[in-house]
Amino acid sequence: MVAQKRAEARTRYYVREEAERVGWDVRHPARGGDFLEEQEIVDYFPDLKFALGDQRPDFVGLLGGKLRVVIECKNDWRELDKAARQAQDYADIISDIKGYDARLAIGVAGTPDRRVQ
């Protein structure tokens, strides 16, 4: 049997579901939420554009209106270390900018296989 590749989007859906389950409001901050997705980050925090260049974490989470959490997703569970390293790298880059303190870096890789009991 050939292993099938999963889309990273599945991992992103999983992250949103888990974030909601533990109490995060995954709406955009302009709508009262605490989450920004990859393409929204530098629009909401324009001073990150130069530091991040063309790269973006998959999500950032806000606490008290301040960027505190960076989440990086990968499609395959075997890339968990890579996801964690990249999340930490993004957090370090962001925290080097005056006024930012990304305190938590989270790497997520793969999604649970709901068929497994």
PDB file of N, CA and C in Angstrom:
ATOM      1  N   MET A   1       0.834  -1.180   0.000  1.00  0.00           N
ATOM      2  CA  MET A   1       0.000   0.000   0.000  1.00  0.00           C
ATOM      3  C   MET A   1       0.881   1.246   0.000  1.00  0.00           C
ATOM      4  N   VAL A   2       0.610   2.171  -0.877  1.00  0.00           N
ATOM      5  CA  VAL A   2       1.369   3.404  -0.995  1.00  0.00           C
ATOM      6  C   VAL A   2       0.782   4.440  -0.036  1.00  0.00           C
ATOM      7  N   ALA A   3       1.650   5.084   0.722  1.00  0.00           N
ATOM      8  CA  ALA A   3       1.195   6.127   1.645  1.00  0.00           C
ATOM      9  C   ALA A   3       0.693   7.320   0.847  1.00  0.00           C
ATOM     10  N   GLN A   4      -0.438   7.848   1.257  1.00  0.00           N
ATOM     11  CA  GLN A   4      -0.999   9.008   0.579  1.00  0.00           C
ATOM     12  C   GLN A   4      -0.569  10.268   1.302  1.00  0.00           C
ATOM     13  N   LYS A   5      -0.204  11.263   0.513  1.00  0.00           N
ATOM     14  CA  LYS A   5       0.200  12.542   1.077  1.00  0.00           C
ATOM     15  C   LYS A   5      -1.039  13.328   1.488  1.00  0.00           C
ATOM     16  N   ARG A   6      -0.992  13.930   2.663  1.00  0.00           N
ATOM     17  CA  ARG A   6      -2.099  14.751   3.153  1.00  0.00           C
ATOM     18  C   ARG A   6      -1.775  16.215   2.931  1.00  0.00           C
ATOM     19  N   ALA A   7      -2.775  16.980   2.638  1.00  0.00           N
ATOM     20  CA  ALA A   7      -2.593  18.414   2.447  1.00  0.00           C
ATOM     21  C   ALA A   7      -2.365  19.089   3.789  1.00  0.00           C
ATOM     22  N   GLU A   8      -1.512  20.107   3.795  1.00  0.00           N
ATOM     23  CA  GLU A   8      -1.270  20.870   5.019  1.00  0.00           C
ATOM     24  C   GLU A   8      -2.553  21.534   5.507  1.00  0.00           C
ATOM     25  N   ALA A   9      -3.468  21.801   4.596  1.00  0.00           N
ATOM     26  CA  ALA A   9      -4.742  22.428   4.980  1.00  0.00           C
ATOM     27  C   ALA A   9      -5.474  21.582   6.017  1.00  0.00           C
ATOM     28  N   ARG A  10      -5.344  20.253   5.955  1.00  0.00           N
ATOM     29  CA  ARG A  10      -5.987  19.396   6.957  1.00  0.00           C
ATOM     30  C   ARG A  10      -5.424  19.681   8.351  1.00  0.00           C
ATOM     31  N   THR A  11      -4.128  19.896   8.425  1.00  0.00           N
ATOM     32  CA  THR A  11      -3.513  20.216   9.707  1.00  0.00           C
ATOM     33  C   THR A  11      -4.000  21.577  10.194  1.00  0.00           C
ATOM     34  N   ARG A  12      -4.152  22.509   9.288  1.00  0.00           N
ATOM     35  CA  ARG A  12      -4.661  23.836   9.668  1.00  0.00           C
ATOM     36  C   ARG A  12      -6.087  23.751  10.199  1.00  0.00           C
ATOM     37  N   TYR A  13      -6.925  22.945   9.569  1.00  0.00           N
ATOM     38  CA  TYR A  13      -8.293  22.747  10.085  1.00  0.00           C
ATOM     39  C   TYR A  13      -8.241  22.176  11.499  1.00  0.00           C
ATOM     40  N   TYR A  14      -7.365  21.210  11.684  1.00  0.00           N
ATOM     41  CA  TYR A  14      -7.206  20.588  13.004  1.00  0.00           C
ATOM     42  C   TYR A  14      -6.786  21.629  14.049  1.00  0.00           C
ATOM     43  N   VAL A  15      -5.834  22.480  13.701  1.00  0.00           N
ATOM     44  CA  VAL A  15      -5.365  23.518  14.631  1.00  0.00           C
ATOM     45  C   VAL A  15      -6.521  24.442  15.011  1.00  0.00           C
ATOM     46  N   ARG A  16      -7.313  24.863  14.022  1.00  0.00           N
ATOM     47  CA  ARG A  16      -8.459  25.731  14.325  1.00  0.00           C
ATOM     48  C   ARG A  16      -9.435  25.045  15.280  1.00  0.00           C
ATOM     49  N   GLU A  17      -9.738  23.779  14.994  1.00  0.00           N
ATOM     50  CA  GLU A  17     -10.673  23.029  15.845  1.00  0.00           C
ATOM     51  C   GLU A  17     -10.148  22.904  17.274  1.00  0.00           C
ATOM     52  N   GLU A  18      -8.879  22.561  17.409  1.00  0.00           N
ATOM     53  CA  GLU A  18      -8.292  22.399  18.740  1.00  0.00           C
ATOM     54  C   GLU A  18      -8.211  23.735  19.477  1.00  0.00           C
ATOM     55  N   ALA A  19      -7.866  24.782  18.758  1.00  0.00           N
ATOM     56  CA  ALA A  19      -7.800  26.104  19.385  1.00  0.00           C
ATOM     57  C   ALA A  19      -9.177  26.504  19.934  1.00  0.00           C
ATOM     58  N   GLU A  20     -10.206  26.271  19.146  1.00  0.00           N
ATOM     59  CA  GLU A  20     -11.568  26.569  19.616  1.00  0.00           C
ATOM     60  C   GLU A  20     -11.939  25.697  20.809  1.00  0.00           C
ATOM     61  N   ARG A  21     -11.569  24.419  20.742  1.00  0.00           N
ATOM     62  CA  ARG A  21     -11.906  23.480  21.812  1.00  0.00           C
ATOM     63  C   ARG A  21     -11.325  23.911  23.160  1.00  0.00           C
ATOM     64  N   VAL A  22     -10.129  24.518  23.125  1.00  0.00           N
ATOM     65  CA  VAL A  22      -9.500  24.931  24.382  1.00  0.00           C
ATOM     66  C   VAL A  22      -9.798  26.388  24.737  1.00  0.00           C
ATOM     67  N   GLY A  23     -10.692  27.016  23.976  1.00  0.00           N
ATOM     68  CA  GLY A  23     -11.167  28.336  24.368  1.00  0.00           C
ATOM     69  C   GLY A  23     -10.684  29.527  23.571  1.00  0.00           C
ATOM     70  N   TRP A  24      -9.887  29.319  22.542  1.00  0.00           N
ATOM     71  CA  TRP A  24      -9.464  30.431  21.702  1.00  0.00           C
ATOM     72  C   TRP A  24     -10.614  30.858  20.786  1.00  0.00           C
ATOM     73  N   ASP A  25     -10.687  32.123  20.519  1.00  0.00           N
ATOM     74  CA  ASP A  25     -11.631  32.660  19.541  1.00  0.00           C
ATOM     75  C   ASP A  25     -10.852  32.810  18.243  1.00  0.00           C
ATOM     76  N   VAL A  26     -11.106  31.942  17.266  1.00  0.00           N
ATOM     77  CA  VAL A  26     -10.297  31.902  16.047  1.00  0.00           C
ATOM     78  C   VAL A  26     -10.741  32.911  14.988  1.00  0.00           C
ATOM     79  N   ARG A  27     -11.632  33.801  15.375  1.00  0.00           N
ATOM     80  CA  ARG A  27     -11.988  34.870  14.436  1.00  0.00           C
ATOM     81  C   ARG A  27     -10.846  35.890  14.362  1.00  0.00           C
ATOM     82  N   HIS A  28     -10.877  36.677  13.302  1.00  0.00           N
ATOM     83  CA  HIS A  28      -9.926  37.773  13.117  1.00  0.00           C
ATOM     84  C   HIS A  28     -10.103  38.776  14.258  1.00  0.00           C
ATOM     85  N   PRO A  29      -9.018  39.383  14.743  1.00  0.00           N
ATOM     86  CA  PRO A  29      -9.140  40.366  15.826  1.00  0.00           C
ATOM     87  C   PRO A  29     -10.091  41.533  15.511  1.00  0.00           C
ATOM     88  N   ALA A  30     -10.208  41.904  14.263  1.00  0.00           N
ATOM     89  CA  ALA A  30     -11.133  42.983  13.888  1.00  0.00           C
ATOM     90  C   ALA A  30     -12.583  42.598  14.170  1.00  0.00           C
ATOM     91  N   ARG A  31     -12.827  41.295  14.331  1.00  0.00           N
ATOM     92  CA  ARG A  31     -14.172  40.789  14.644  1.00  0.00           C
ATOM     93  C   ARG A  31     -14.260  40.256  16.076  1.00  0.00           C
ATOM     94  N   GLY A  32     -13.293  40.648  16.887  1.00  0.00           N
ATOM     95  CA  GLY A  32     -13.310  40.238  18.288  1.00  0.00           C
ATOM     96  C   GLY A  32     -12.539  38.983  18.607  1.00  0.00           C
ATOM     97  N   GLY A  33     -11.849  38.411  17.618  1.00  0.00           N
ATOM     98  CA  GLY A  33     -11.126  37.162  17.828  1.00  0.00           C
ATOM     99  C   GLY A  33      -9.695  37.352  18.280  1.00  0.00           C
ATOM    100  N   ASP A  34      -8.979  36.234  18.321  1.00  0.00           N
ATOM    101  CA  ASP A  34      -7.607  36.199  18.828  1.00  0.00           C
ATOM    102  C   ASP A  34      -6.625  35.565  17.845  1.00  0.00           C
ATOM    103  N   PHE A  35      -7.034  35.307  16.629  1.00  0.00           N
ATOM    104  CA  PHE A  35      -6.230  34.521  15.699  1.00  0.00           C
ATOM    105  C   PHE A  35      -6.031  35.275  14.396  1.00  0.00           C
ATOM    106  N   LEU A  36      -4.829  35.153  13.836  1.00  0.00           N
ATOM    107  CA  LEU A  36      -4.555  35.641  12.491  1.00  0.00           C
ATOM    108  C   LEU A  36      -3.963  34.492  11.695  1.00  0.00           C
ATOM    109  N   GLU A  37      -4.402  34.360  10.464  1.00  0.00           N
ATOM    110  CA  GLU A  37      -3.862  33.334   9.591  1.00  0.00           C
ATOM    111  C   GLU A  37      -2.730  33.919   8.764  1.00  0.00           C
ATOM    112  N   GLU A  38      -1.958  33.053   8.188  1.00  0.00           N
ATOM    113  CA  GLU A  38      -0.735  33.382   7.454  1.00  0.00           C
ATOM    114  C   GLU A  38      -0.830  34.670   6.628  1.00  0.00           C
ATOM    115  N   GLN A  39      -1.799  34.754   5.763  1.00  0.00           N
ATOM    116  CA  GLN A  39      -1.903  35.892   4.852  1.00  0.00           C
ATOM    117  C   GLN A  39      -2.388  37.167   5.541  1.00  0.00           C
ATOM    118  N   GLU A  40      -2.876  37.075   6.763  1.00  0.00           N
ATOM    119  CA  GLU A  40      -3.411  38.231   7.486  1.00  0.00           C
ATOM    120  C   GLU A  40      -2.400  38.895   8.421  1.00  0.00           C
ATOM    121  N   ILE A  41      -1.325  38.202   8.730  1.00  0.00           N
ATOM    122  CA  ILE A  41      -0.408  38.629   9.789  1.00  0.00           C
ATOM    123  C   ILE A  41       0.211  39.994   9.523  1.00  0.00           C
ATOM    124  N   VAL A  42       0.832  40.175   8.359  1.00  0.00           N
ATOM    125  CA  VAL A  42       1.509  41.454   8.113  1.00  0.00           C
ATOM    126  C   VAL A  42       0.535  42.568   7.762  1.00  0.00           C
ATOM    127  N   ASP A  43      -0.677  42.222   7.358  1.00  0.00           N
ATOM    128  CA  ASP A  43      -1.684  43.271   7.164  1.00  0.00           C
ATOM    129  C   ASP A  43      -2.094  43.846   8.518  1.00  0.00           C
ATOM    130  N   TYR A  44      -2.200  42.990   9.523  1.00  0.00           N
ATOM    131  CA  TYR A  44      -2.603  43.427  10.856  1.00  0.00           C
ATOM    132  C   TYR A  44      -1.427  44.027  11.630  1.00  0.00           C
ATOM    133  N   PHE A  45      -0.239  43.458  11.429  1.00  0.00           N
ATOM    134  CA  PHE A  45       0.985  43.950  12.061  1.00  0.00           C
ATOM    135  C   PHE A  45       1.986  44.323  10.967  1.00  0.00           C
ATOM    136  N   PRO A  46       1.801  45.463  10.302  1.00  0.00           N
ATOM    137  CA  PRO A  46       2.647  45.812   9.149  1.00  0.00           C
ATOM    138  C   PRO A  46       4.133  45.936   9.473  1.00  0.00           C
ATOM    139  N   ASP A  47       4.489  46.215  10.720  1.00  0.00           N
ATOM    140  CA  ASP A  47       5.903  46.335  11.047  1.00  0.00           C
ATOM    141  C   ASP A  47       6.624  44.982  11.068  1.00  0.00           C
ATOM    142  N   LEU A  48       5.897  43.885  10.879  1.00  0.00           N
ATOM    143  CA  LEU A  48       6.535  42.562  10.778  1.00  0.00           C
ATOM    144  C   LEU A  48       6.951  42.228   9.349  1.00  0.00           C
ATOM    145  N   LYS A  49       6.445  42.999   8.387  1.00  0.00           N
ATOM    146  CA  LYS A  49       6.663  42.661   6.978  1.00  0.00           C
ATOM    147  C   LYS A  49       8.138  42.576   6.620  1.00  0.00           C
ATOM    148  N   PHE A  50       8.927  43.547   7.016  1.00  0.00           N
ATOM    149  CA  PHE A  50      10.344  43.547   6.664  1.00  0.00           C
ATOM    150  C   PHE A  50      11.066  42.370   7.318  1.00  0.00           C
ATOM    151  N   ALA A  51      10.815  42.141   8.600  1.00  0.00           N
ATOM    152  CA  ALA A  51      11.509  41.068   9.331  1.00  0.00           C
ATOM    153  C   ALA A  51      11.156  39.683   8.795  1.00  0.00           C
ATOM    154  N   LEU A  52       9.890  39.470   8.457  1.00  0.00           N
ATOM    155  CA  LEU A  52       9.454  38.153   7.982  1.00  0.00           C
ATOM    156  C   LEU A  52       9.723  37.948   6.492  1.00  0.00           C
ATOM    157  N   GLY A  53       9.882  39.039   5.751  1.00  0.00           N
ATOM    158  CA  GLY A  53      10.074  38.911   4.307  1.00  0.00           C
ATOM    159  C   GLY A  53       8.874  38.241   3.680  1.00  0.00           C
ATOM    160  N   ASP A  54       9.119  37.260   2.837  1.00  0.00           N
ATOM    161  CA  ASP A  54       8.032  36.532   2.168  1.00  0.00           C
ATOM    162  C   ASP A  54       7.535  35.346   2.988  1.00  0.00           C
ATOM    163  N   GLN A  55       8.153  35.074   4.122  1.00  0.00           N
ATOM    164  CA  GLN A  55       7.786  33.924   4.941  1.00  0.00           C
ATOM    165  C   GLN A  55       6.779  34.336   6.014  1.00  0.00           C
ATOM    166  N   ARG A  56       5.880  33.425   6.358  1.00  0.00           N
ATOM    167  CA  ARG A  56       4.883  33.681   7.398  1.00  0.00           C
ATOM    168  C   ARG A  56       4.611  32.381   8.161  1.00  0.00           C
ATOM    169  N   PRO A  57       4.402  32.486   9.474  1.00  0.00           N
ATOM    170  CA  PRO A  57       3.904  31.299  10.181  1.00  0.00           C
ATOM    171  C   PRO A  57       2.461  31.050   9.753  1.00  0.00           C
ATOM    172  N   ASP A  58       1.966  29.873   9.999  1.00  0.00           N
ATOM    173  CA  ASP A  58       0.595  29.551   9.598  1.00  0.00           C
ATOM    174  C   ASP A  58      -0.433  30.332  10.402  1.00  0.00           C
ATOM    175  N   PHE A  59      -0.170  30.519  11.691  1.00  0.00           N
ATOM    176  CA  PHE A  59      -1.076  31.269  12.556  1.00  0.00           C
ATOM    177  C   PHE A  59      -0.273  32.035  13.587  1.00  0.00           C
ATOM    178  N   VAL A  60      -0.863  33.117  14.075  1.00  0.00           N
ATOM    179  CA  VAL A  60      -0.398  33.733  15.314  1.00  0.00           C
ATOM    180  C   VAL A  60      -1.619  33.928  16.197  1.00  0.00           C
ATOM    181  N   GLY A  61      -1.381  33.827  17.488  1.00  0.00           N
ATOM    182  CA  GLY A  61      -2.438  34.037  18.465  1.00  0.00           C
ATOM    183  C   GLY A  61      -2.146  35.278  19.285  1.00  0.00           C
ATOM    184  N   LEU A  62      -3.197  35.989  19.628  1.00  0.00           N
ATOM    185  CA  LEU A  62      -3.067  37.205  20.414  1.00  0.00           C
ATOM    186  C   LEU A  62      -3.618  36.985  21.812  1.00  0.00           C
ATOM    187  N   LEU A  63      -2.946  37.553  22.775  1.00  0.00           N
ATOM    188  CA  LEU A  63      -3.423  37.576  24.159  1.00  0.00           C
ATOM    189  C   LEU A  63      -3.427  39.039  24.578  1.00  0.00           C
ATOM    190  N   GLY A  64      -4.574  39.525  24.971  1.00  0.00           N
ATOM    191  CA  GLY A  64      -4.676  40.933  25.342  1.00  0.00           C
ATOM    192  C   GLY A  64      -4.329  41.864  24.196  1.00  0.00           C
ATOM    193  N   GLY A  65      -4.593  41.421  22.976  1.00  0.00           N
ATOM    194  CA  GLY A  65      -4.309  42.236  21.797  1.00  0.00           C
ATOM    195  C   GLY A  65      -2.866  42.205  21.331  1.00  0.00           C
ATOM    196  N   LYS A  66      -2.010  41.491  22.055  1.00  0.00           N
ATOM    197  CA  LYS A  66      -0.594  41.418  21.688  1.00  0.00           C
ATOM    198  C   LYS A  66      -0.264  40.044  21.135  1.00  0.00           C
ATOM    199  N   LEU A  67       0.577  40.021  20.117  1.00  0.00           N
ATOM    200  CA  LEU A  67       1.000  38.772  19.499  1.00  0.00           C
ATOM    201  C   LEU A  67       1.874  38.008  20.497  1.00  0.00           C
ATOM    202  N   ARG A  68       1.409  36.843  20.904  1.00  0.00           N
ATOM    203  CA  ARG A  68       2.134  36.043  21.904  1.00  0.00           C
ATOM    204  C   ARG A  68       2.409  34.605  21.457  1.00  0.00           C
ATOM    205  N   VAL A  69       1.660  34.114  20.475  1.00  0.00           N
ATOM    206  CA  VAL A  69       1.755  32.707  20.096  1.00  0.00           C
ATOM    207  C   VAL A  69       2.012  32.597  18.590  1.00  0.00           C
ATOM    208  N   VAL A  70       2.936  31.721  18.221  1.00  0.00           N
ATOM    209  CA  VAL A  70       3.233  31.424  16.822  1.00  0.00           C
ATOM    210  C   VAL A  70       2.979  29.942  16.600  1.00  0.00           C
ATOM    211  N   ILE A  71       2.234  29.622  15.535  1.00  0.00           N
ATOM    212  CA  ILE A  71       1.925  28.219  15.226  1.00  0.00           C
ATOM    213  C   ILE A  71       2.345  27.924  13.792  1.00  0.00           C
ATOM    214  N   GLU A  72       3.118  26.877  13.616  1.00  0.00           N
ATOM    215  CA  GLU A  72       3.558  26.431  12.300  1.00  0.00           C
ATOM    216  C   GLU A  72       3.042  25.016  12.060  1.00  0.00           C
ATOM    217  N   CYS A  73       2.470  24.778  10.891  1.00  0.00           N
ATOM    218  CA  CYS A  73       1.869  23.482  10.540  1.00  0.00           C
ATOM    219  C   CYS A  73       2.649  22.790   9.428  1.00  0.00           C
ATOM    220  N   LYS A  74       2.673  21.484   9.488  1.00  0.00           N
ATOM    221  CA  LYS A  74       3.206  20.629   8.420  1.00  0.00           C
ATOM    222  C   LYS A  74       2.201  19.512   8.184  1.00  0.00           C
ATOM    223  N   ASN A  75       2.196  18.989   6.973  1.00  0.00           N
ATOM    224  CA  ASN A  75       1.196  17.985   6.629  1.00  0.00           C
ATOM    225  C   ASN A  75       1.509  16.582   7.148  1.00  0.00           C
ATOM    226  N   ASP A  76       2.758  16.281   7.411  1.00  0.00           N
ATOM    227  CA  ASP A  76       3.169  14.922   7.755  1.00  0.00           C
ATOM    228  C   ASP A  76       3.720  14.884   9.177  1.00  0.00           C
ATOM    229  N   TRP A  77       3.280  13.915   9.966  1.00  0.00           N
ATOM    230  CA  TRP A  77       3.707  13.802  11.359  1.00  0.00           C
ATOM    231  C   TRP A  77       5.215  13.679  11.501  1.00  0.00           C
ATOM    232  N   ARG A  78       5.875  13.171  10.469  1.00  0.00           N
ATOM    233  CA  ARG A  78       7.327  13.019  10.520  1.00  0.00           C
ATOM    234  C   ARG A  78       8.052  14.360  10.448  1.00  0.00           C
ATOM    235  N   GLU A  79       7.319  15.433  10.189  1.00  0.00           N
ATOM    236  CA  GLU A  79       7.918  16.772  10.122  1.00  0.00           C
ATOM    237  C   GLU A  79       7.640  17.598  11.378  1.00  0.00           C
ATOM    238  N   LEU A  80       7.307  16.928  12.461  1.00  0.00           N
ATOM    239  CA  LEU A  80       7.018  17.639  13.706  1.00  0.00           C
ATOM    240  C   LEU A  80       8.209  18.471  14.182  1.00  0.00           C
ATOM    241  N   ASP A  81       9.404  17.902  14.154  1.00  0.00           N
ATOM    242  CA  ASP A  81      10.588  18.657  14.581  1.00  0.00           C
ATOM    243  C   ASP A  81      10.786  19.893  13.708  1.00  0.00           C
ATOM    244  N   LYS A  82      10.574  19.738  12.417  1.00  0.00           N
ATOM    245  CA  LYS A  82      10.707  20.867  11.491  1.00  0.00           C
ATOM    246  C   LYS A  82       9.673  21.947  11.806  1.00  0.00           C
ATOM    247  N   ALA A  83       8.439  21.549  12.070  1.00  0.00           N
ATOM    248  CA  ALA A  83       7.386  22.507  12.403  1.00  0.00           C
ATOM    249  C   ALA A  83       7.731  23.255  13.690  1.00  0.00           C
ATOM    250  N   ALA A  84       8.208  22.541  14.688  1.00  0.00           N
ATOM    251  CA  ALA A  84       8.569  23.166  15.969  1.00  0.00           C
ATOM    252  C   ALA A  84       9.736  24.132  15.805  1.00  0.00           C
ATOM    253  N   ARG A  85      10.749  23.719  15.033  1.00  0.00           N
ATOM    254  CA  ARG A  85      11.908  24.596  14.781  1.00  0.00           C
ATOM    255  C   ARG A  85      11.488  25.867  14.053  1.00  0.00           C
ATOM    256  N   GLN A  86      10.652  25.706  13.021  1.00  0.00           N
ATOM    257  CA  GLN A  86      10.219  26.879  12.270  1.00  0.00           C
ATOM    258  C   GLN A  86       9.363  27.807  13.129  1.00  0.00           C
ATOM    259  N   ALA A  87       8.492  27.243  13.949  1.00  0.00           N
ATOM    260  CA  ALA A  87       7.685  28.069  14.847  1.00  0.00           C
ATOM    261  C   ALA A  87       8.590  28.862  15.784  1.00  0.00           C
ATOM    262  N   GLN A  88       9.619  28.210  16.330  1.00  0.00           N
ATOM    263  CA  GLN A  88      10.550  28.910  17.219  1.00  0.00           C
ATOM    264  C   GLN A  88      11.330  29.977  16.471  1.00  0.00           C
ATOM    265  N   ASP A  89      11.746  29.667  15.247  1.00  0.00           N
ATOM    266  CA  ASP A  89      12.463  30.665  14.439  1.00  0.00           C
ATOM    267  C   ASP A  89      11.592  31.891  14.192  1.00  0.00           C
ATOM    268  N   TYR A  90      10.321  31.672  13.840  1.00  0.00           N
ATOM    269  CA  TYR A  90       9.409  32.800  13.636  1.00  0.00           C
ATOM    270  C   TYR A  90       9.223  33.593  14.930  1.00  0.00           C
ATOM    271  N   ALA A  91       9.062  32.890  16.037  1.00  0.00           N
ATOM    272  CA  ALA A  91       8.885  33.566  17.326  1.00  0.00           C
ATOM    273  C   ALA A  91      10.111  34.412  17.659  1.00  0.00           C
ATOM    274  N   ASP A  92      11.290  33.888  17.392  1.00  0.00           N
ATOM    275  CA  ASP A  92      12.519  34.641  17.653  1.00  0.00           C
ATOM    276  C   ASP A  92      12.606  35.887  16.775  1.00  0.00           C
ATOM    277  N   ILE A  93      12.289  35.743  15.493  1.00  0.00           N
ATOM    278  CA  ILE A  93      12.315  36.883  14.572  1.00  0.00           C
ATOM    279  C   ILE A  93      11.341  37.957  15.037  1.00  0.00           C
ATOM    280  N   ILE A  94      10.138  37.537  15.372  1.00  0.00           N
ATOM    281  CA  ILE A  94       9.106  38.479  15.808  1.00  0.00           C
ATOM    282  C   ILE A  94       9.504  39.145  17.121  1.00  0.00           C
ATOM    283  N   SER A  95      10.032  38.379  18.058  1.00  0.00           N
ATOM    284  CA  SER A  95      10.400  38.913  19.366  1.00  0.00           C
ATOM    285  C   SER A  95      11.579  39.876  19.304  1.00  0.00           C
ATOM    286  N   ASP A  96      12.359  39.801  18.241  1.00  0.00           N
ATOM    287  CA  ASP A  96      13.483  40.726  18.071  1.00  0.00           C
ATOM    288  C   ASP A  96      13.016  42.128  17.685  1.00  0.00           C
ATOM    289  N   ILE A  97      11.752  42.271  17.330  1.00  0.00           N
ATOM    290  CA  ILE A  97      11.202  43.571  16.948  1.00  0.00           C
ATOM    291  C   ILE A  97      10.671  44.258  18.205  1.00  0.00           C
ATOM    292  N   LYS A  98      11.074  45.487  18.382  1.00  0.00           N
ATOM    293  CA  LYS A  98      10.663  46.247  19.570  1.00  0.00           C
ATOM    294  C   LYS A  98       9.140  46.251  19.704  1.00  0.00           C
ATOM    295  N   GLY A  99       8.673  45.918  20.909  1.00  0.00           N
ATOM    296  CA  GLY A  99       7.247  45.906  21.192  1.00  0.00           C
ATOM    297  C   GLY A  99       6.579  44.550  21.004  1.00  0.00           C
ATOM    298  N   TYR A 100       7.328  43.553  20.544  1.00  0.00           N
ATOM    299  CA  TYR A 100       6.769  42.209  20.330  1.00  0.00           C
ATOM    300  C   TYR A 100       7.420  41.216  21.277  1.00  0.00           C
ATOM    301  N   ASP A 101       6.641  40.255  21.705  1.00  0.00           N
ATOM    302  CA  ASP A 101       7.131  39.217  22.603  1.00  0.00           C
ATOM    303  C   ASP A 101       6.340  37.935  22.355  1.00  0.00           C
ATOM    304  N   ALA A 102       6.750  37.193  21.326  1.00  0.00           N
ATOM    305  CA  ALA A 102       6.094  35.923  21.006  1.00  0.00           C
ATOM    306  C   ALA A 102       6.631  34.878  21.978  1.00  0.00           C
ATOM    307  N   ARG A 103       5.862  34.573  22.996  1.00  0.00           N
ATOM    308  CA  ARG A 103       6.328  33.726  24.093  1.00  0.00           C
ATOM    309  C   ARG A 103       6.151  32.232  23.874  1.00  0.00           C
ATOM    310  N   LEU A 104       5.279  31.860  22.962  1.00  0.00           N
ATOM    311  CA  LEU A 104       4.975  30.444  22.776  1.00  0.00           C
ATOM    312  C   LEU A 104       5.073  30.092  21.301  1.00  0.00           C
ATOM    313  N   ALA A 105       5.882  29.088  20.994  1.00  0.00           N
ATOM    314  CA  ALA A 105       6.030  28.589  19.631  1.00  0.00           C
ATOM    315  C   ALA A 105       5.494  27.159  19.597  1.00  0.00           C
ATOM    316  N   ILE A 106       4.565  26.906  18.679  1.00  0.00           N
ATOM    317  CA  ILE A 106       3.911  25.599  18.601  1.00  0.00           C
ATOM    318  C   ILE A 106       4.087  25.030  17.200  1.00  0.00           C
ATOM    319  N   GLY A 107       4.575  23.811  17.132  1.00  0.00           N
ATOM    320  CA  GLY A 107       4.663  23.091  15.866  1.00  0.00           C
ATOM    321  C   GLY A 107       3.621  21.985  15.855  1.00  0.00           C
ATOM    322  N   VAL A 108       2.883  21.884  14.761  1.00  0.00           N
ATOM    323  CA  VAL A 108       1.857  20.855  14.613  1.00  0.00           C
ATOM    324  C   VAL A 108       2.119  20.145  13.291  1.00  0.00           C
ATOM    325  N   ALA A 109       2.113  18.817  13.323  1.00  0.00           N
ATOM    326  CA  ALA A 109       2.392  18.062  12.107  1.00  0.00           C
ATOM    327  C   ALA A 109       1.445  16.886  11.989  1.00  0.00           C
ATOM    328  N   GLY A 110       0.766  16.811  10.865  1.00  0.00           N
ATOM    329  CA  GLY A 110      -0.191  15.739  10.626  1.00  0.00           C
ATOM    330  C   GLY A 110      -1.481  15.982  11.383  1.00  0.00           C
ATOM    331  N   THR A 111      -2.397  15.077  11.209  1.00  0.00           N
ATOM    332  CA  THR A 111      -3.680  15.149  11.903  1.00  0.00           C
ATOM    333  C   THR A 111      -4.014  13.768  12.428  1.00  0.00           C
ATOM    334  N   PRO A 112      -4.826  13.694  13.472  1.00  0.00           N
ATOM    335  CA  PRO A 112      -5.196  12.374  13.970  1.00  0.00           C
ATOM    336  C   PRO A 112      -5.967  11.593  12.909  1.00  0.00           C
ATOM    337  N   ASP A 113      -5.680  10.326  12.807  1.00  0.00           N
ATOM    338  CA  ASP A 113      -6.439   9.461  11.909  1.00  0.00           C
ATOM    339  C   ASP A 113      -7.621   8.945  12.698  1.00  0.00           C
ATOM    340  N   ARG A 114      -8.792   9.438  12.424  1.00  0.00           N
ATOM    341  CA  ARG A 114      -9.993   9.117  13.201  1.00  0.00           C
ATOM    342  C   ARG A 114     -10.447   7.661  13.016  1.00  0.00           C
ATOM    343  N   ARG A 115      -9.847   6.980  12.046  1.00  0.00           N
ATOM    344  CA  ARG A 115     -10.213   5.571  11.846  1.00  0.00           C
ATOM    345  C   ARG A 115      -9.509   4.659  12.831  1.00  0.00           C
ATOM    346  N   VAL A 116      -8.410   5.115  13.420  1.00  0.00           N
ATOM    347  CA  VAL A 116      -7.638   4.305  14.354  1.00  0.00           C
ATOM    348  C   VAL A 116      -8.357   4.300  15.706  1.00  0.00           C
ATOM    349  N   GLN A 117      -8.529   3.127  16.276  1.00  0.00           N
ATOM    350  CA  GLN A 117      -9.196   2.990  17.573  1.00  0.00           C
ATOM    351  C   GLN A 117      -8.203   2.637  18.641  1.00  0.00           C
TER     352      GLN A 117
END
